[in-house]
Amino acid sequence: MTSARDPRVDRCIAGLYATFKKASYAPATKQLNASAPVSNGQAVLKLKLPASLKGQTLTVTATLQGANYIPTSHTLTIKVT
């Protein structure tokens, strides 16, 4: 996620959530898959997913939140390769 270079955003945290099954017998649950502080208007999210999701398409939600700020989110689709 990138901001419009507002220095106040550097006090925020970016996160990436996805809903999937951790095991074939388990119900799908929403998981925080990556999070990182914002620095210079950017956050590098290192996503780690189970190998069992290879070849699947996930709908994920990217969030940006911080103290005294209204959280914002954006939904996107990723293909696990």
N, C-alpha and C. Protein backbone atom coordinates (compact mmCIF):
# COMPACT_ATOMS: atom_id res chain seq x y z
N MET A 1 0.85 -1.17 0.00
CA MET A 1 0.00 0.00 0.00
C MET A 1 0.89 1.23 0.00
N THR A 2 0.53 2.20 -0.76
CA THR A 2 1.28 3.46 -0.76
C THR A 2 0.32 4.59 -0.44
N SER A 3 0.81 5.56 0.28
CA SER A 3 0.01 6.73 0.61
C SER A 3 0.40 7.86 -0.33
N ALA A 4 -0.28 8.97 -0.18
CA ALA A 4 0.02 10.15 -0.99
C ALA A 4 1.11 10.99 -0.32
N ARG A 5 2.07 10.32 0.31
CA ARG A 5 3.23 10.96 0.96
C ARG A 5 2.83 11.90 2.09
N ASP A 6 1.78 11.58 2.81
CA ASP A 6 1.38 12.34 3.99
C ASP A 6 2.21 11.81 5.16
N PRO A 7 3.07 12.62 5.79
CA PRO A 7 3.94 12.11 6.86
C PRO A 7 3.16 11.54 8.04
N ARG A 8 1.92 11.94 8.22
CA ARG A 8 1.12 11.39 9.32
C ARG A 8 0.84 9.92 9.12
N VAL A 9 0.82 9.46 7.86
CA VAL A 9 0.54 8.06 7.56
C VAL A 9 1.68 7.17 8.06
N ASP A 10 2.87 7.71 8.21
CA ASP A 10 4.01 6.93 8.68
C ASP A 10 3.81 6.41 10.11
N ARG A 11 2.78 6.87 10.79
CA ARG A 11 2.48 6.37 12.13
C ARG A 11 1.43 5.26 12.09
N CYS A 12 1.11 4.77 10.90
CA CYS A 12 0.08 3.76 10.72
C CYS A 12 0.69 2.38 10.50
N ILE A 13 -0.18 1.38 10.55
CA ILE A 13 0.18 -0.01 10.29
C ILE A 13 -0.67 -0.51 9.13
N ALA A 14 -0.04 -1.18 8.18
CA ALA A 14 -0.75 -1.80 7.07
C ALA A 14 -0.86 -3.29 7.36
N GLY A 15 -1.99 -3.88 7.00
CA GLY A 15 -2.19 -5.31 7.23
C GLY A 15 -2.89 -5.95 6.04
N LEU A 16 -2.74 -7.25 5.90
CA LEU A 16 -3.37 -8.00 4.83
C LEU A 16 -4.08 -9.20 5.44
N TYR A 17 -5.40 -9.27 5.25
CA TYR A 17 -6.22 -10.34 5.81
C TYR A 17 -6.78 -11.20 4.68
N ALA A 18 -6.89 -12.50 4.92
CA ALA A 18 -7.50 -13.42 3.96
C ALA A 18 -8.29 -14.46 4.74
N THR A 19 -9.35 -14.97 4.13
CA THR A 19 -10.15 -16.03 4.74
C THR A 19 -9.90 -17.32 3.98
N PHE A 20 -9.43 -18.33 4.69
CA PHE A 20 -9.18 -19.63 4.08
C PHE A 20 -9.13 -20.70 5.17
N LYS A 21 -9.13 -21.97 4.73
CA LYS A 21 -9.04 -23.10 5.65
C LYS A 21 -7.58 -23.41 5.92
N LYS A 22 -7.24 -23.58 7.18
CA LYS A 22 -5.88 -23.98 7.53
C LYS A 22 -5.71 -25.49 7.37
N ALA A 23 -6.81 -26.23 7.43
CA ALA A 23 -6.80 -27.68 7.22
C ALA A 23 -8.10 -28.06 6.52
N SER A 24 -8.09 -29.17 5.79
CA SER A 24 -9.25 -29.56 5.00
C SER A 24 -10.50 -29.77 5.85
N TYR A 25 -10.34 -30.18 7.09
CA TYR A 25 -11.48 -30.46 7.97
C TYR A 25 -11.93 -29.23 8.77
N ALA A 26 -11.16 -28.17 8.74
CA ALA A 26 -11.46 -26.98 9.55
C ALA A 26 -12.31 -25.99 8.77
N PRO A 27 -13.11 -25.19 9.49
CA PRO A 27 -13.86 -24.13 8.80
C PRO A 27 -12.91 -23.01 8.36
N ALA A 28 -13.30 -22.30 7.33
CA ALA A 28 -12.51 -21.15 6.88
C ALA A 28 -12.58 -20.05 7.93
N THR A 29 -11.43 -19.45 8.22
CA THR A 29 -11.38 -18.36 9.19
C THR A 29 -10.58 -17.20 8.61
N LYS A 30 -10.88 -16.01 9.10
CA LYS A 30 -10.16 -14.82 8.66
C LYS A 30 -8.82 -14.77 9.38
N GLN A 31 -7.74 -14.63 8.61
CA GLN A 31 -6.39 -14.65 9.16
C GLN A 31 -5.66 -13.35 8.82
N LEU A 32 -4.90 -12.83 9.78
CA LEU A 32 -3.97 -11.74 9.48
C LEU A 32 -2.73 -12.40 8.89
N ASN A 33 -2.47 -12.19 7.60
CA ASN A 33 -1.39 -12.88 6.92
C ASN A 33 -0.11 -12.07 6.83
N ALA A 34 -0.20 -10.77 6.96
CA ALA A 34 0.99 -9.93 6.90
C ALA A 34 0.65 -8.57 7.51
N SER A 35 1.64 -7.97 8.15
CA SER A 35 1.47 -6.60 8.64
C SER A 35 2.84 -5.94 8.67
N ALA A 36 2.84 -4.63 8.54
CA ALA A 36 4.09 -3.89 8.54
C ALA A 36 3.81 -2.42 8.85
N PRO A 37 4.77 -1.75 9.49
CA PRO A 37 4.61 -0.31 9.71
C PRO A 37 4.80 0.44 8.39
N VAL A 38 4.15 1.56 8.30
CA VAL A 38 4.32 2.43 7.13
C VAL A 38 5.56 3.28 7.34
N SER A 39 6.41 3.33 6.34
CA SER A 39 7.63 4.14 6.39
C SER A 39 7.79 4.86 5.06
N ASN A 40 7.95 6.17 5.12
CA ASN A 40 8.04 6.98 3.90
C ASN A 40 6.87 6.74 2.97
N GLY A 41 5.68 6.55 3.55
CA GLY A 41 4.46 6.40 2.76
C GLY A 41 4.26 5.02 2.17
N GLN A 42 5.10 4.04 2.54
CA GLN A 42 4.97 2.69 1.99
C GLN A 42 5.09 1.64 3.09
N ALA A 43 4.50 0.47 2.82
CA ALA A 43 4.63 -0.67 3.72
C ALA A 43 4.94 -1.89 2.87
N VAL A 44 5.93 -2.67 3.29
CA VAL A 44 6.28 -3.91 2.60
C VAL A 44 5.65 -5.05 3.38
N LEU A 45 4.69 -5.72 2.75
CA LEU A 45 3.99 -6.82 3.39
C LEU A 45 4.54 -8.14 2.86
N LYS A 46 5.11 -8.95 3.73
CA LYS A 46 5.66 -10.24 3.34
C LYS A 46 4.61 -11.31 3.65
N LEU A 47 3.98 -11.77 2.62
CA LEU A 47 2.86 -12.69 2.74
C LEU A 47 3.34 -14.13 2.83
N LYS A 48 2.85 -14.86 3.83
CA LYS A 48 3.16 -16.27 4.00
C LYS A 48 1.85 -17.03 4.05
N LEU A 49 1.67 -17.95 3.10
CA LEU A 49 0.45 -18.75 3.02
C LEU A 49 0.80 -20.22 3.03
N PRO A 50 -0.13 -21.08 3.49
CA PRO A 50 0.12 -22.52 3.44
C PRO A 50 0.29 -23.01 2.00
N ALA A 51 1.15 -23.99 1.80
CA ALA A 51 1.40 -24.55 0.47
C ALA A 51 0.12 -25.14 -0.13
N SER A 52 -0.82 -25.55 0.71
CA SER A 52 -2.07 -26.14 0.22
C SER A 52 -2.92 -25.15 -0.58
N LEU A 53 -2.61 -23.86 -0.48
CA LEU A 53 -3.38 -22.84 -1.21
C LEU A 53 -2.84 -22.59 -2.62
N LYS A 54 -1.75 -23.27 -2.98
CA LYS A 54 -1.15 -23.07 -4.31
C LYS A 54 -2.18 -23.36 -5.40
N GLY A 55 -2.27 -22.44 -6.36
CA GLY A 55 -3.21 -22.58 -7.46
C GLY A 55 -4.59 -21.99 -7.19
N GLN A 56 -4.84 -21.59 -5.97
CA GLN A 56 -6.14 -21.01 -5.63
C GLN A 56 -6.11 -19.50 -5.76
N THR A 57 -7.29 -18.93 -5.89
CA THR A 57 -7.45 -17.49 -5.93
C THR A 57 -8.11 -17.06 -4.62
N LEU A 58 -7.52 -16.09 -3.95
CA LEU A 58 -8.04 -15.61 -2.67
C LEU A 58 -8.50 -14.17 -2.79
N THR A 59 -9.57 -13.86 -2.09
CA THR A 59 -9.98 -12.48 -1.93
C THR A 59 -9.39 -12.01 -0.61
N VAL A 60 -8.59 -10.96 -0.66
CA VAL A 60 -7.92 -10.45 0.53
C VAL A 60 -8.34 -9.01 0.78
N THR A 61 -8.14 -8.58 2.01
CA THR A 61 -8.44 -7.21 2.39
C THR A 61 -7.18 -6.56 2.93
N ALA A 62 -6.76 -5.49 2.31
CA ALA A 62 -5.63 -4.69 2.79
C ALA A 62 -6.19 -3.58 3.67
N THR A 63 -5.60 -3.38 4.83
CA THR A 63 -6.07 -2.35 5.76
C THR A 63 -4.95 -1.38 6.11
N LEU A 64 -5.34 -0.19 6.46
CA LEU A 64 -4.42 0.83 6.94
C LEU A 64 -5.07 1.43 8.17
N GLN A 65 -4.37 1.36 9.32
CA GLN A 65 -4.95 1.88 10.55
C GLN A 65 -3.88 2.45 11.45
N GLY A 66 -4.30 3.34 12.30
CA GLY A 66 -3.38 3.97 13.24
C GLY A 66 -4.15 4.73 14.31
N ALA A 67 -3.46 5.09 15.37
CA ALA A 67 -4.09 5.82 16.46
C ALA A 67 -4.65 7.15 15.95
N ASN A 68 -5.85 7.48 16.35
CA ASN A 68 -6.53 8.72 15.99
C ASN A 68 -6.87 8.83 14.51
N TYR A 69 -6.89 7.69 13.79
CA TYR A 69 -7.26 7.68 12.37
C TYR A 69 -8.39 6.70 12.15
N ILE A 70 -9.26 7.02 11.21
CA ILE A 70 -10.31 6.09 10.83
C ILE A 70 -9.68 5.03 9.94
N PRO A 71 -9.81 3.73 10.28
CA PRO A 71 -9.19 2.69 9.46
C PRO A 71 -9.80 2.68 8.05
N THR A 72 -9.00 2.35 7.09
CA THR A 72 -9.47 2.23 5.71
C THR A 72 -9.05 0.86 5.18
N SER A 73 -9.82 0.34 4.23
CA SER A 73 -9.48 -0.97 3.68
C SER A 73 -9.81 -1.02 2.20
N HIS A 74 -9.20 -1.97 1.53
CA HIS A 74 -9.40 -2.18 0.10
C HIS A 74 -9.38 -3.68 -0.14
N THR A 75 -10.37 -4.18 -0.87
CA THR A 75 -10.45 -5.61 -1.17
C THR A 75 -9.85 -5.87 -2.55
N LEU A 76 -9.03 -6.92 -2.65
CA LEU A 76 -8.44 -7.28 -3.92
C LEU A 76 -8.33 -8.80 -4.02
N THR A 77 -8.06 -9.29 -5.21
CA THR A 77 -7.94 -10.71 -5.46
C THR A 77 -6.50 -11.04 -5.83
N ILE A 78 -5.98 -12.14 -5.23
CA ILE A 78 -4.63 -12.56 -5.56
C ILE A 78 -4.66 -14.04 -5.97
N LYS A 79 -3.82 -14.40 -6.89
CA LYS A 79 -3.66 -15.79 -7.33
C LYS A 79 -2.41 -16.34 -6.65
N VAL A 80 -2.56 -17.44 -5.92
CA VAL A 80 -1.45 -18.06 -5.21
C VAL A 80 -0.69 -18.95 -6.19
N THR A 81 0.59 -18.66 -6.40
CA THR A 81 1.39 -19.46 -7.34
C THR A 81 2.52 -20.18 -6.64
